Amino acid sequence: MIAAHQATRRAAPTLEAVASAAGVSRSTVSRVVNGSTQVRPDVVDAVNAAIARLDYVPNRAARSLASRQTMAIALIVPEEAARFFGDPFFAAIVQGITRGLESSDYVLNLQLASRTSTSLKTKKYLLGGNVDGAIVVSHHSDVEFFSELDATIPVVFGGRPFHPEQHSNYFVDVDNAAGAALATEYLLEKGRRRIGTISGPVDMQAAIDRTKGWVSTLAEAGLPTDLIAHGDFTMASGASAMRDLLDRDPNLDAVFVASDLMAMGAISVLRERGISVPDQVSLVGFDDSPAATSTDPQLTTVHQPSTEMGLRMAHNLLALLAGEEVERQSILPTRLVVRDSA
């Protein structure tokens, strides 16, 4: 389940190396790493700069010398409550995470954080020694704070974070581009030639990658890639985007939709306009969530193993907390599930 880093690797920087680079004592570095508020801001900045320069990742043994274990893990979701509780993707992820933690003594604490700004309360909670590690799901590009958390506590992301070259983040994901290409190739095989897409939020890496898969497949087939409408992974946004696509091109004959919930919204619009699915317009979704089988017609969709993703996140974080080496990138496969909508 958990693979090791490459056999040849440079020696990890030590707490002493950070202290020397920052021009402070080892105990000062330890206090900064553990989120102490008793260190001057200029000293905190110097230590954090040294940590970033040396790519230092605090280990659990070092932290435990300064503070007791909390035996708590934070699940951080930068989404509003309505979005979190309304999307079956999150339910599957949480199911996998809790299953992965069952055999451990850790408890899971849910933190819903605003997409527009990370609250001071959330930052204080995460940096105040209240949890031993964190799992971040549904990460947006404008919330840089979460990518920087691994300088203080072990963090595993659900989904590839933005700018991975800038941070040594661990993450579990699927090959979103390959999944989208699989869906688009299937529509091409069915003879569809005017294929649009309803993408997810432009500030999420998964949505960007799914759009790339759609674009590259159509480009290889010599077909236009101009029919893109953006949603936010909700049913309402899928309906709005479907109206946009139909208004722009009445000859549209297929749509790859970047989530099942948005596909449900798209089907509702096609029905209200008297357009038959799949006879006139074929649809393929993404997730293979319970929503895929609750539509009429049922959705052809790209299956991503959401529960397995949550399980892998939990196992990888437990391994990090135990001081074990963990593969930074865990990429799980997708597959196409053919139903009635295509």
C-alpha atoms as a PDB file:
ATOM      1  CA  MET A   1       0.000   0.000   0.000  1.00  0.00           C
ATOM      2  CA  ILE A   2       2.771   2.425   0.926  1.00  0.00           C
ATOM      3  CA  ALA A   3       5.844   2.609  -1.292  1.00  0.00           C
ATOM      4  CA  ALA A   4       9.228   3.966  -0.249  1.00  0.00           C
ATOM      5  CA  HIS A   5      11.112   6.888  -1.733  1.00  0.00           C
ATOM      6  CA  GLN A   6      13.842   6.218  -4.215  1.00  0.00           C
ATOM      7  CA  ALA A   7      16.779   4.311  -2.778  1.00  0.00           C
ATOM      8  CA  THR A   8      19.288   7.110  -3.354  1.00  0.00           C
ATOM      9  CA  ARG A   9      18.426  10.335  -1.612  1.00  0.00           C
ATOM     10  CA  ARG A  10      20.246  13.166   0.078  1.00  0.00           C
ATOM     11  CA  ALA A  11      20.480  13.248   3.845  1.00  0.00           C
ATOM     12  CA  ALA A  12      17.507  14.993   5.390  1.00  0.00           C
ATOM     13  CA  PRO A  13      18.341  18.373   6.981  1.00  0.00           C
ATOM     14  CA  THR A  14      18.336  18.383  10.775  1.00  0.00           C
ATOM     15  CA  LEU A  15      16.893  20.719  13.371  1.00  0.00           C
ATOM     16  CA  GLU A  16      20.458  21.811  14.127  1.00  0.00           C
ATOM     17  CA  ALA A  17      21.037  22.718  10.462  1.00  0.00           C
ATOM     18  CA  VAL A  18      17.946  24.908  10.472  1.00  0.00           C
ATOM     19  CA  ALA A  19      19.065  26.578  13.704  1.00  0.00           C
ATOM     20  CA  SER A  20      22.496  27.313  12.224  1.00  0.00           C
ATOM     21  CA  ALA A  21      21.012  28.702   9.000  1.00  0.00           C
ATOM     22  CA  ALA A  22      18.602  30.933  10.927  1.00  0.00           C
ATOM     23  CA  GLY A  23      21.204  32.044  13.473  1.00  0.00           C
ATOM     24  CA  VAL A  24      19.124  30.884  16.453  1.00  0.00           C
ATOM     25  CA  SER A  25      19.200  28.086  18.991  1.00  0.00           C
ATOM     26  CA  ARG A  26      17.865  24.575  18.430  1.00  0.00           C
ATOM     27  CA  SER A  27      15.180  25.148  21.082  1.00  0.00           C
ATOM     28  CA  THR A  28      13.972  28.278  19.253  1.00  0.00           C
ATOM     29  CA  VAL A  29      13.546  26.301  16.027  1.00  0.00           C
ATOM     30  CA  SER A  30      11.661  23.648  17.963  1.00  0.00           C
ATOM     31  CA  ARG A  31       9.294  26.259  19.407  1.00  0.00           C
ATOM     32  CA  VAL A  32       8.611  27.714  15.939  1.00  0.00           C
ATOM     33  CA  VAL A  33       8.025  24.265  14.453  1.00  0.00           C
ATOM     34  CA  ASN A  34       5.538  23.475  17.201  1.00  0.00           C
ATOM     35  CA  GLY A  35       3.579  26.703  16.718  1.00  0.00           C
ATOM     36  CA  SER A  36       4.628  28.496  19.885  1.00  0.00           C
ATOM     37  CA  THR A  37       3.404  32.079  20.235  1.00  0.00           C
ATOM     38  CA  GLN A  38       6.334  32.956  22.502  1.00  0.00           C
ATOM     39  CA  VAL A  39       8.740  33.690  19.640  1.00  0.00           C
ATOM     40  CA  ARG A  40       9.255  37.150  18.114  1.00  0.00           C
ATOM     41  CA  PRO A  41       7.753  37.533  14.607  1.00  0.00           C
ATOM     42  CA  ASP A  42      11.136  38.405  13.044  1.00  0.00           C
ATOM     43  CA  VAL A  43      12.649  35.236  14.512  1.00  0.00           C
ATOM     44  CA  VAL A  44       9.711  33.173  13.247  1.00  0.00           C
ATOM     45  CA  ASP A  45      10.275  34.614   9.765  1.00  0.00           C
ATOM     46  CA  ALA A  46      14.001  33.791   9.887  1.00  0.00           C
ATOM     47  CA  VAL A  47      13.340  30.208  11.001  1.00  0.00           C
ATOM     48  CA  ASN A  48      10.629  29.673   8.384  1.00  0.00           C
ATOM     49  CA  ALA A  49      12.940  31.040   5.695  1.00  0.00           C
ATOM     50  CA  ALA A  50      15.645  28.585   6.759  1.00  0.00           C
ATOM     51  CA  ILE A  51      13.126  25.738   6.782  1.00  0.00           C
ATOM     52  CA  ALA A  52      12.035  26.588   3.234  1.00  0.00           C
ATOM     53  CA  ARG A  53      15.630  27.023   2.015  1.00  0.00           C
ATOM     54  CA  LEU A  54      16.755  23.662   3.436  1.00  0.00           C
ATOM     55  CA  ASP A  55      13.479  21.849   2.605  1.00  0.00           C
ATOM     56  CA  TYR A  56      13.317  20.722   6.222  1.00  0.00           C
ATOM     57  CA  VAL A  57      10.383  18.522   7.275  1.00  0.00           C
ATOM     58  CA  PRO A  58      10.018  18.170  11.070  1.00  0.00           C
ATOM     59  CA  ASN A  59       9.810  14.575  12.213  1.00  0.00           C
ATOM     60  CA  ARG A  60       7.432  13.249  14.785  1.00  0.00           C
ATOM     61  CA  ALA A  61      10.152  12.272  17.260  1.00  0.00           C
ATOM     62  CA  ALA A  62      11.496  15.827  17.358  1.00  0.00           C
ATOM     63  CA  ARG A  63       8.044  17.311  17.882  1.00  0.00           C
ATOM     64  CA  SER A  64       7.186  14.889  20.664  1.00  0.00           C
ATOM     65  CA  LEU A  65      10.131  16.193  22.703  1.00  0.00           C
ATOM     66  CA  ALA A  66       8.461  19.585  22.849  1.00  0.00           C
ATOM     67  CA  SER A  67       4.781  18.656  23.041  1.00  0.00           C
ATOM     68  CA  ARG A  68       2.631  15.651  23.831  1.00  0.00           C
ATOM     69  CA  GLN A  69       0.803  13.756  21.127  1.00  0.00           C
ATOM     70  CA  THR A  70      -2.779  14.853  20.613  1.00  0.00           C
ATOM     71  CA  MET A  71      -3.830  11.604  18.877  1.00  0.00           C
ATOM     72  CA  ALA A  72      -6.003  13.793  16.640  1.00  0.00           C
ATOM     73  CA  ILE A  73      -5.953  14.312  12.870  1.00  0.00           C
ATOM     74  CA  ALA A  74      -7.634  17.241  11.123  1.00  0.00           C
ATOM     75  CA  LEU A  75      -9.634  16.722   7.944  1.00  0.00           C
ATOM     76  CA  ILE A  76      -9.577  20.125   6.258  1.00  0.00           C
ATOM     77  CA  VAL A  77     -12.079  20.870   3.489  1.00  0.00           C
ATOM     78  CA  PRO A  78     -11.910  24.426   2.057  1.00  0.00           C
ATOM     79  CA  GLU A  79     -15.600  24.419   1.117  1.00  0.00           C
ATOM     80  CA  GLU A  80     -18.854  25.749   2.510  1.00  0.00           C
ATOM     81  CA  ALA A  81     -20.912  23.303   4.585  1.00  0.00           C
ATOM     82  CA  ALA A  82     -23.658  23.028   1.949  1.00  0.00           C
ATOM     83  CA  ARG A  83     -21.139  21.954  -0.676  1.00  0.00           C
ATOM     84  CA  PHE A  84     -19.455  19.448   1.645  1.00  0.00           C
ATOM     85  CA  PHE A  85     -22.627  17.745   2.827  1.00  0.00           C
ATOM     86  CA  GLY A  86     -24.305  17.890  -0.591  1.00  0.00           C
ATOM     87  CA  ASP A  87     -21.634  16.147  -2.655  1.00  0.00           C
ATOM     88  CA  PRO A  88     -21.396  12.321  -2.416  1.00  0.00           C
ATOM     89  CA  PHE A  89     -17.710  12.530  -3.355  1.00  0.00           C
ATOM     90  CA  PHE A  90     -16.904  13.855   0.113  1.00  0.00           C
ATOM     91  CA  ALA A  91     -18.963  11.135   1.790  1.00  0.00           C
ATOM     92  CA  ALA A  92     -16.909   8.464   0.006  1.00  0.00           C
ATOM     93  CA  ILE A  93     -13.625  10.179   0.900  1.00  0.00           C
ATOM     94  CA  VAL A  94     -14.565  10.424   4.593  1.00  0.00           C
ATOM     95  CA  GLN A  95     -15.668   6.785   4.590  1.00  0.00           C
ATOM     96  CA  GLY A  96     -12.245   5.758   3.320  1.00  0.00           C
ATOM     97  CA  ILE A  97     -10.379   7.966   5.794  1.00  0.00           C
ATOM     98  CA  THR A  98     -12.318   6.694   8.806  1.00  0.00           C
ATOM     99  CA  ARG A  99     -11.793   3.123   7.648  1.00  0.00           C
ATOM    100  CA  GLY A 100      -8.072   3.785   7.390  1.00  0.00           C
ATOM    101  CA  LEU A 101      -7.930   5.175  10.929  1.00  0.00           C
ATOM    102  CA  GLU A 102     -10.009   2.411  12.531  1.00  0.00           C
ATOM    103  CA  SER A 103      -7.048   0.352  13.685  1.00  0.00           C
ATOM    104  CA  SER A 104      -5.213   3.372  15.108  1.00  0.00           C
ATOM    105  CA  ASP A 105      -5.821   5.443  18.238  1.00  0.00           C
ATOM    106  CA  TYR A 106      -6.315   8.638  16.220  1.00  0.00           C
ATOM    107  CA  VAL A 107      -9.587  10.550  16.092  1.00  0.00           C
ATOM    108  CA  LEU A 108     -10.646  12.654  13.099  1.00  0.00           C
ATOM    109  CA  ASN A 109     -11.605  16.327  13.486  1.00  0.00           C
ATOM    110  CA  LEU A 110     -13.447  17.981  10.589  1.00  0.00           C
ATOM    111  CA  GLN A 111     -12.525  21.579   9.717  1.00  0.00           C
ATOM    112  CA  LEU A 112     -14.584  23.316   7.018  1.00  0.00           C
ATOM    113  CA  ALA A 113     -12.652  26.378   5.867  1.00  0.00           C
ATOM    114  CA  SER A 114     -13.848  29.259   3.729  1.00  0.00           C
ATOM    115  CA  ARG A 115     -12.705  29.160   0.101  1.00  0.00           C
ATOM    116  CA  THR A 116     -12.158  32.906  -0.009  1.00  0.00           C
ATOM    117  CA  SER A 117     -10.024  33.240   3.096  1.00  0.00           C
ATOM    118  CA  THR A 118      -8.602  30.824   5.627  1.00  0.00           C
ATOM    119  CA  SER A 119      -9.943  31.938   8.988  1.00  0.00           C
ATOM    120  CA  LEU A 120      -7.578  32.948  11.763  1.00  0.00           C
ATOM    121  CA  LYS A 121      -9.358  30.403  13.952  1.00  0.00           C
ATOM    122  CA  THR A 122      -8.476  27.571  11.549  1.00  0.00           C
ATOM    123  CA  LYS A 123      -4.838  28.657  11.358  1.00  0.00           C
ATOM    124  CA  LYS A 124      -4.509  28.920  15.123  1.00  0.00           C
ATOM    125  CA  TYR A 125      -6.123  25.515  15.549  1.00  0.00           C
ATOM    126  CA  LEU A 126      -3.805  23.792  13.089  1.00  0.00           C
ATOM    127  CA  LEU A 127      -0.627  25.508  14.270  1.00  0.00           C
ATOM    128  CA  GLY A 128      -1.448  25.458  17.978  1.00  0.00           C
ATOM    129  CA  GLY A 129      -0.514  21.854  18.698  1.00  0.00           C
ATOM    130  CA  ASN A 130      -4.128  20.623  18.591  1.00  0.00           C
ATOM    131  CA  VAL A 131      -3.531  17.931  15.958  1.00  0.00           C
ATOM    132  CA  ASP A 132      -0.642  15.664  15.011  1.00  0.00           C
ATOM    133  CA  GLY A 133      -1.331  15.736  11.268  1.00  0.00           C
ATOM    134  CA  ALA A 134      -3.804  16.843   8.620  1.00  0.00           C
ATOM    135  CA  ILE A 135      -5.565  15.671   5.466  1.00  0.00           C
ATOM    136  CA  VAL A 136      -6.591  18.414   3.011  1.00  0.00           C
ATOM    137  CA  VAL A 137      -9.328  17.653   0.468  1.00  0.00           C
ATOM    138  CA  SER A 138     -10.719  19.935  -2.285  1.00  0.00           C
ATOM    139  CA  HIS A 139      -7.764  22.286  -2.323  1.00  0.00           C
ATOM    140  CA  HIS A 140      -8.058  25.580  -4.228  1.00  0.00           C
ATOM    141  CA  SER A 141      -5.165  27.553  -5.694  1.00  0.00           C
ATOM    142  CA  ASP A 142      -5.927  30.700  -3.687  1.00  0.00           C
ATOM    143  CA  VAL A 143      -5.446  28.990  -0.313  1.00  0.00           C
ATOM    144  CA  GLU A 144      -1.641  28.760  -0.209  1.00  0.00           C
ATOM    145  CA  PHE A 145      -1.592  28.340   3.563  1.00  0.00           C
ATOM    146  CA  PHE A 146      -2.481  24.633   3.404  1.00  0.00           C
ATOM    147  CA  SER A 147       0.438  23.846   1.083  1.00  0.00           C
ATOM    148  CA  GLU A 148       2.769  25.369   3.671  1.00  0.00           C
ATOM    149  CA  LEU A 149       1.412  23.354   6.589  1.00  0.00           C
ATOM    150  CA  ASP A 150       3.931  20.545   6.096  1.00  0.00           C
ATOM    151  CA  ALA A 151       6.620  22.779   7.577  1.00  0.00           C
ATOM    152  CA  THR A 152       4.851  22.278  10.914  1.00  0.00           C
ATOM    153  CA  ILE A 153       2.825  19.040  10.813  1.00  0.00           C
ATOM    154  CA  PRO A 154       2.628  16.086   8.401  1.00  0.00           C
ATOM    155  CA  VAL A 155       0.017  16.718   5.692  1.00  0.00           C
ATOM    156  CA  VAL A 156      -1.473  14.529   2.965  1.00  0.00           C
ATOM    157  CA  PHE A 157      -3.551  16.106   0.194  1.00  0.00           C
ATOM    158  CA  GLY A 158      -6.517  14.531  -1.521  1.00  0.00           C
ATOM    159  CA  GLY A 159      -5.782  15.634  -5.073  1.00  0.00           C
ATOM    160  CA  ARG A 160      -2.633  17.124  -6.548  1.00  0.00           C
ATOM    161  CA  PRO A 161      -2.066  20.570  -5.023  1.00  0.00           C
ATOM    162  CA  PHE A 162      -1.108  23.583  -7.099  1.00  0.00           C
ATOM    163  CA  HIS A 163       2.606  24.294  -7.606  1.00  0.00           C
ATOM    164  CA  PRO A 164       3.889  20.975  -6.184  1.00  0.00           C
ATOM    165  CA  GLU A 165       7.397  22.047  -7.181  1.00  0.00           C
ATOM    166  CA  GLN A 166       7.261  24.761  -4.505  1.00  0.00           C
ATOM    167  CA  HIS A 167       6.281  22.481  -1.629  1.00  0.00           C
ATOM    168  CA  SER A 168       7.197  18.929  -0.657  1.00  0.00           C
ATOM    169  CA  ASN A 169       3.561  17.899  -0.373  1.00  0.00           C
ATOM    170  CA  TYR A 170       2.303  14.334  -0.192  1.00  0.00           C
ATOM    171  CA  PHE A 171      -0.875  13.631  -2.133  1.00  0.00           C
ATOM    172  CA  VAL A 172      -3.248  10.918  -3.337  1.00  0.00           C
ATOM    173  CA  ASP A 173      -5.051  11.443  -6.635  1.00  0.00           C
ATOM    174  CA  VAL A 174      -6.324   9.809  -9.809  1.00  0.00           C
ATOM    175  CA  ASP A 175      -5.087  10.544 -13.322  1.00  0.00           C
ATOM    176  CA  ASN A 176      -7.789  13.109 -14.066  1.00  0.00           C
ATOM    177  CA  ALA A 177      -6.498  13.919 -17.548  1.00  0.00           C
ATOM    178  CA  ALA A 178      -6.452  10.247 -18.533  1.00  0.00           C
ATOM    179  CA  GLY A 179      -9.978   9.759 -17.183  1.00  0.00           C
ATOM    180  CA  ALA A 180     -11.287  12.707 -19.181  1.00  0.00           C
ATOM    181  CA  ALA A 181      -9.518  11.438 -22.301  1.00  0.00           C
ATOM    182  CA  LEU A 182     -11.132   8.030 -21.793  1.00  0.00           C
ATOM    183  CA  ALA A 183     -14.583   9.639 -21.659  1.00  0.00           C
ATOM    184  CA  THR A 184     -13.972  11.810 -24.721  1.00  0.00           C
ATOM    185  CA  GLU A 185     -12.540   8.913 -26.740  1.00  0.00           C
ATOM    186  CA  TYR A 186     -15.672   6.902 -25.979  1.00  0.00           C
ATOM    187  CA  LEU A 187     -17.905   9.701 -27.280  1.00  0.00           C
ATOM    188  CA  LEU A 188     -15.809   9.860 -30.444  1.00  0.00           C
ATOM    189  CA  GLU A 189     -16.169   6.100 -30.903  1.00  0.00           C
ATOM    190  CA  LYS A 190     -19.941   6.579 -30.717  1.00  0.00           C
ATOM    191  CA  GLY A 191     -19.740   8.923 -33.693  1.00  0.00           C
ATOM    192  CA  ARG A 192     -20.110  12.211 -31.811  1.00  0.00           C
ATOM    193  CA  ARG A 193     -18.244  15.128 -33.367  1.00  0.00           C
ATOM    194  CA  ARG A 194     -19.494  18.307 -31.678  1.00  0.00           C
ATOM    195  CA  ILE A 195     -18.414  17.526 -28.139  1.00  0.00           C
ATOM    196  CA  GLY A 196     -18.528  20.181 -25.430  1.00  0.00           C
ATOM    197  CA  THR A 197     -17.404  20.056 -21.830  1.00  0.00           C
ATOM    198  CA  ILE A 198     -18.651  21.380 -18.500  1.00  0.00           C
ATOM    199  CA  SER A 199     -15.512  21.880 -16.454  1.00  0.00           C
ATOM    200  CA  GLY A 200     -15.034  22.241 -12.726  1.00  0.00           C
ATOM    201  CA  PRO A 201     -13.636  25.328 -10.949  1.00  0.00           C
ATOM    202  CA  VAL A 202     -10.667  26.880 -12.718  1.00  0.00           C
ATOM    203  CA  ASP A 203      -8.818  27.194  -9.396  1.00  0.00           C
ATOM    204  CA  MET A 204      -8.742  23.422  -8.762  1.00  0.00           C
ATOM    205  CA  GLN A 205      -6.070  21.202 -10.277  1.00  0.00           C
ATOM    206  CA  ALA A 206      -8.434  18.245 -10.836  1.00  0.00           C
ATOM    207  CA  ALA A 207     -10.759  20.404 -12.931  1.00  0.00           C
ATOM    208  CA  ILE A 208      -7.864  21.793 -14.956  1.00  0.00           C
ATOM    209  CA  ASP A 209      -6.525  18.302 -15.632  1.00  0.00           C
ATOM    210  CA  ARG A 210      -9.939  17.002 -16.732  1.00  0.00           C
ATOM    211  CA  THR A 211     -10.261  19.866 -19.179  1.00  0.00           C
ATOM    212  CA  LYS A 212      -6.776  19.111 -20.506  1.00  0.00           C
ATOM    213  CA  GLY A 213      -7.766  15.497 -21.167  1.00  0.00           C
ATOM    214  CA  TRP A 214     -10.832  16.627 -23.127  1.00  0.00           C
ATOM    215  CA  VAL A 215      -8.853  19.230 -25.095  1.00  0.00           C
ATOM    216  CA  SER A 216      -5.989  16.923 -26.023  1.00  0.00           C
ATOM    217  CA  THR A 217      -8.304  14.136 -27.210  1.00  0.00           C
ATOM    218  CA  LEU A 218     -10.366  16.423 -29.449  1.00  0.00           C
ATOM    219  CA  ALA A 219      -7.253  18.145 -30.769  1.00  0.00           C
ATOM    220  CA  GLU A 220      -5.748  14.789 -31.748  1.00  0.00           C
ATOM    221  CA  ALA A 221      -8.975  14.010 -33.613  1.00  0.00           C
ATOM    222  CA  GLY A 222      -8.761  17.344 -35.453  1.00  0.00           C
ATOM    223  CA  LEU A 223     -11.963  18.622 -33.829  1.00  0.00           C
ATOM    224  CA  PRO A 224     -12.637  22.077 -32.280  1.00  0.00           C
ATOM    225  CA  THR A 225     -12.161  22.647 -28.551  1.00  0.00           C
ATOM    226  CA  ASP A 226     -14.154  25.861 -28.184  1.00  0.00           C
ATOM    227  CA  LEU A 227     -17.240  24.545 -26.371  1.00  0.00           C
ATOM    228  CA  ILE A 228     -16.189  24.928 -22.739  1.00  0.00           C
ATOM    229  CA  ALA A 229     -18.521  26.115 -19.972  1.00  0.00           C
ATOM    230  CA  HIS A 230     -17.372  26.354 -16.367  1.00  0.00           C
ATOM    231  CA  GLY A 231     -19.150  25.032 -13.296  1.00  0.00           C
ATOM    232  CA  ASP A 232     -18.258  24.526  -9.646  1.00  0.00           C
ATOM    233  CA  PHE A 233     -19.057  20.796  -9.221  1.00  0.00           C
ATOM    234  CA  THR A 234     -22.643  21.540  -8.098  1.00  0.00           C
ATOM    235  CA  MET A 235     -25.870  20.521  -9.824  1.00  0.00           C
ATOM    236  CA  ALA A 236     -27.000  24.118 -10.260  1.00  0.00           C
ATOM    237  CA  SER A 237     -23.771  25.104 -11.988  1.00  0.00           C
ATOM    238  CA  GLY A 238     -24.093  22.120 -14.319  1.00  0.00           C
ATOM    239  CA  ALA A 239     -27.563  23.270 -15.361  1.00  0.00           C
ATOM    240  CA  SER A 240     -26.351  26.830 -15.975  1.00  0.00           C
ATOM    241  CA  ALA A 241     -23.363  25.627 -18.001  1.00  0.00           C
ATOM    242  CA  MET A 242     -25.577  23.326 -20.094  1.00  0.00           C
ATOM    243  CA  ARG A 243     -27.835  26.251 -21.007  1.00  0.00           C
ATOM    244  CA  ASP A 244     -24.752  28.205 -22.029  1.00  0.00           C
ATOM    245  CA  LEU A 245     -23.475  25.415 -24.295  1.00  0.00           C
ATOM    246  CA  LEU A 246     -26.856  24.919 -25.991  1.00  0.00           C
ATOM    247  CA  ASP A 247     -27.269  28.649 -26.575  1.00  0.00           C
ATOM    248  CA  ARG A 248     -23.829  28.809 -28.162  1.00  0.00           C
ATOM    249  CA  ASP A 249     -24.239  25.734 -30.360  1.00  0.00           C
ATOM    250  CA  PRO A 250     -27.625  24.075 -30.998  1.00  0.00           C
ATOM    251  CA  ASN A 251     -25.765  21.370 -32.979  1.00  0.00           C
ATOM    252  CA  LEU A 252     -23.984  20.094 -29.890  1.00  0.00           C
ATOM    253  CA  ASP A 253     -24.229  16.280 -29.853  1.00  0.00           C
ATOM    254  CA  ALA A 254     -22.224  15.260 -26.748  1.00  0.00           C
ATOM    255  CA  VAL A 255     -20.873  16.661 -23.485  1.00  0.00           C
ATOM    256  CA  PHE A 256     -18.145  15.456 -21.157  1.00  0.00           C
ATOM    257  CA  VAL A 257     -19.116  16.743 -17.703  1.00  0.00           C
ATOM    258  CA  ALA A 258     -16.405  16.954 -15.030  1.00  0.00           C
ATOM    259  CA  SER A 259     -18.638  15.659 -12.201  1.00  0.00           C
ATOM    260  CA  ASP A 260     -21.763  13.530 -11.822  1.00  0.00           C
ATOM    261  CA  LEU A 261     -23.608  16.248  -9.923  1.00  0.00           C
ATOM    262  CA  MET A 262     -23.054  18.740 -12.717  1.00  0.00           C
ATOM    263  CA  ALA A 263     -24.160  16.083 -15.212  1.00  0.00           C
ATOM    264  CA  MET A 264     -27.435  15.718 -13.293  1.00  0.00           C
ATOM    265  CA  GLY A 265     -28.001  19.447 -13.711  1.00  0.00           C
ATOM    266  CA  ALA A 266     -27.153  19.202 -17.407  1.00  0.00           C
ATOM    267  CA  ILE A 267     -29.665  16.380 -17.961  1.00  0.00           C
ATOM    268  CA  SER A 268     -32.418  18.413 -16.315  1.00  0.00           C
ATOM    269  CA  VAL A 269     -31.829  21.256 -18.804  1.00  0.00           C
ATOM    270  CA  LEU A 270     -31.782  18.908 -21.788  1.00  0.00           C
ATOM    271  CA  ARG A 271     -35.074  17.435 -20.603  1.00  0.00           C
ATOM    272  CA  GLU A 272     -36.720  20.842 -20.177  1.00  0.00           C
ATOM    273  CA  ARG A 273     -35.684  21.750 -23.745  1.00  0.00           C
ATOM    274  CA  GLY A 274     -37.044  18.513 -25.170  1.00  0.00           C
ATOM    275  CA  ILE A 275     -33.629  17.135 -26.135  1.00  0.00           C
ATOM    276  CA  SER A 276     -33.319  13.361 -25.886  1.00  0.00           C
ATOM    277  CA  VAL A 277     -30.408  11.774 -23.998  1.00  0.00           C
ATOM    278  CA  PRO A 278     -28.541   9.930 -25.487  1.00  0.00           C
ATOM    279  CA  ASP A 279     -30.240  10.000 -28.906  1.00  0.00           C
ATOM    280  CA  GLN A 280     -29.608  13.677 -29.605  1.00  0.00           C
ATOM    281  CA  VAL A 281     -26.995  14.527 -26.973  1.00  0.00           C
ATOM    282  CA  SER A 282     -24.805  11.971 -25.182  1.00  0.00           C
ATOM    283  CA  LEU A 283     -23.368  12.723 -21.730  1.00  0.00           C
ATOM    284  CA  VAL A 284     -20.483  11.272 -19.764  1.00  0.00           C
ATOM    285  CA  GLY A 285     -19.886  12.304 -16.150  1.00  0.00           C
ATOM    286  CA  PHE A 286     -16.985  11.881 -13.734  1.00  0.00           C
ATOM    287  CA  ASP A 287     -16.935  10.254 -10.260  1.00  0.00           C
ATOM    288  CA  ASP A 288     -19.250   7.224 -10.532  1.00  0.00           C
ATOM    289  CA  SER A 289     -20.959   8.470  -7.381  1.00  0.00           C
ATOM    290  CA  PRO A 290     -24.458   7.419  -6.230  1.00  0.00           C
ATOM    291  CA  ALA A 291     -25.728  10.368  -8.276  1.00  0.00           C
ATOM    292  CA  ALA A 292     -24.799   8.479 -11.450  1.00  0.00           C
ATOM    293  CA  THR A 293     -27.471   5.847 -10.907  1.00  0.00           C
ATOM    294  CA  SER A 294     -30.154   8.211  -9.603  1.00  0.00           C
ATOM    295  CA  THR A 295     -30.544  10.078 -12.912  1.00  0.00           C
ATOM    296  CA  ASP A 296     -32.891   9.201 -15.770  1.00  0.00           C
ATOM    297  CA  PRO A 297     -31.177   8.038 -17.884  1.00  0.00           C
ATOM    298  CA  GLN A 298     -28.429   6.645 -15.680  1.00  0.00           C
ATOM    299  CA  LEU A 299     -25.019   8.183 -16.257  1.00  0.00           C
ATOM    300  CA  THR A 300     -22.133   6.798 -18.196  1.00  0.00           C
ATOM    301  CA  THR A 301     -19.283   8.081 -16.069  1.00  0.00           C
ATOM    302  CA  VAL A 302     -15.593   7.874 -15.230  1.00  0.00           C
ATOM    303  CA  HIS A 303     -15.136   5.860 -12.053  1.00  0.00           C
ATOM    304  CA  GLN A 304     -12.634   7.198  -9.555  1.00  0.00           C
ATOM    305  CA  PRO A 305     -12.029   5.080  -6.430  1.00  0.00           C
ATOM    306  CA  SER A 306     -12.983   7.800  -3.931  1.00  0.00           C
ATOM    307  CA  THR A 307     -13.216   5.496  -0.908  1.00  0.00           C
ATOM    308  CA  GLU A 308      -9.865   3.945  -1.782  1.00  0.00           C
ATOM    309  CA  MET A 309      -8.405   7.452  -2.098  1.00  0.00           C
ATOM    310  CA  GLY A 310      -9.531   8.291   1.432  1.00  0.00           C
ATOM    311  CA  LEU A 311      -8.145   4.998   2.723  1.00  0.00           C
ATOM    312  CA  ARG A 312      -4.782   5.650   1.080  1.00  0.00           C
ATOM    313  CA  MET A 313      -4.642   9.200   2.494  1.00  0.00           C
ATOM    314  CA  ALA A 314      -5.187   7.876   6.009  1.00  0.00           C
ATOM    315  CA  HIS A 315      -2.599   5.106   5.632  1.00  0.00           C
ATOM    316  CA  ASN A 316      -0.010   7.480   4.207  1.00  0.00           C
ATOM    317  CA  LEU A 317      -0.532  10.021   6.983  1.00  0.00           C
ATOM    318  CA  LEU A 318      -0.280   7.323   9.665  1.00  0.00           C
ATOM    319  CA  ALA A 319       2.980   6.200   8.104  1.00  0.00           C
ATOM    320  CA  LEU A 320       4.339   9.767   8.156  1.00  0.00           C
ATOM    321  CA  LEU A 321       3.333  10.123  11.789  1.00  0.00           C
ATOM    322  CA  ALA A 322       5.206   6.900  12.546  1.00  0.00           C
ATOM    323  CA  GLY A 323       8.345   8.299  10.911  1.00  0.00           C
ATOM    324  CA  GLU A 324       8.171   5.972   7.907  1.00  0.00           C
ATOM    325  CA  GLU A 325       9.074   6.879   4.345  1.00  0.00           C
ATOM    326  CA  VAL A 326       6.067   7.412   2.076  1.00  0.00           C
ATOM    327  CA  GLU A 327       5.736   7.914  -1.644  1.00  0.00           C
ATOM    328  CA  ARG A 328       4.884  11.562  -2.262  1.00  0.00           C
ATOM    329  CA  GLN A 329       2.572  10.868  -5.209  1.00  0.00           C
ATOM    330  CA  SER A 330      -0.006   8.080  -5.052  1.00  0.00           C
ATOM    331  CA  ILE A 331      -1.933   7.973  -8.345  1.00  0.00           C
ATOM    332  CA  LEU A 332      -4.896   5.589  -8.554  1.00  0.00           C
ATOM    333  CA  PRO A 333      -6.462   4.387 -11.836  1.00  0.00           C
ATOM    334  CA  THR A 334      -9.794   5.405 -13.362  1.00  0.00           C
ATOM    335  CA  ARG A 335     -12.116   3.419 -15.632  1.00  0.00           C
ATOM    336  CA  LEU A 336     -15.184   4.107 -17.724  1.00  0.00           C
ATOM    337  CA  VAL A 337     -18.560   2.775 -16.534  1.00  0.00           C
ATOM    338  CA  VAL A 338     -21.010   2.622 -19.452  1.00  0.00           C
ATOM    339  CA  ARG A 339     -24.696   3.230 -18.708  1.00  0.00           C
ATOM    340  CA  ASP A 340     -27.600   4.773 -20.596  1.00  0.00           C
ATOM    341  CA  SER A 341     -26.610   8.440 -21.018  1.00  0.00           C
ATOM    342  CA  ALA A 342     -24.024   7.548 -23.675  1.00  0.00           C
END
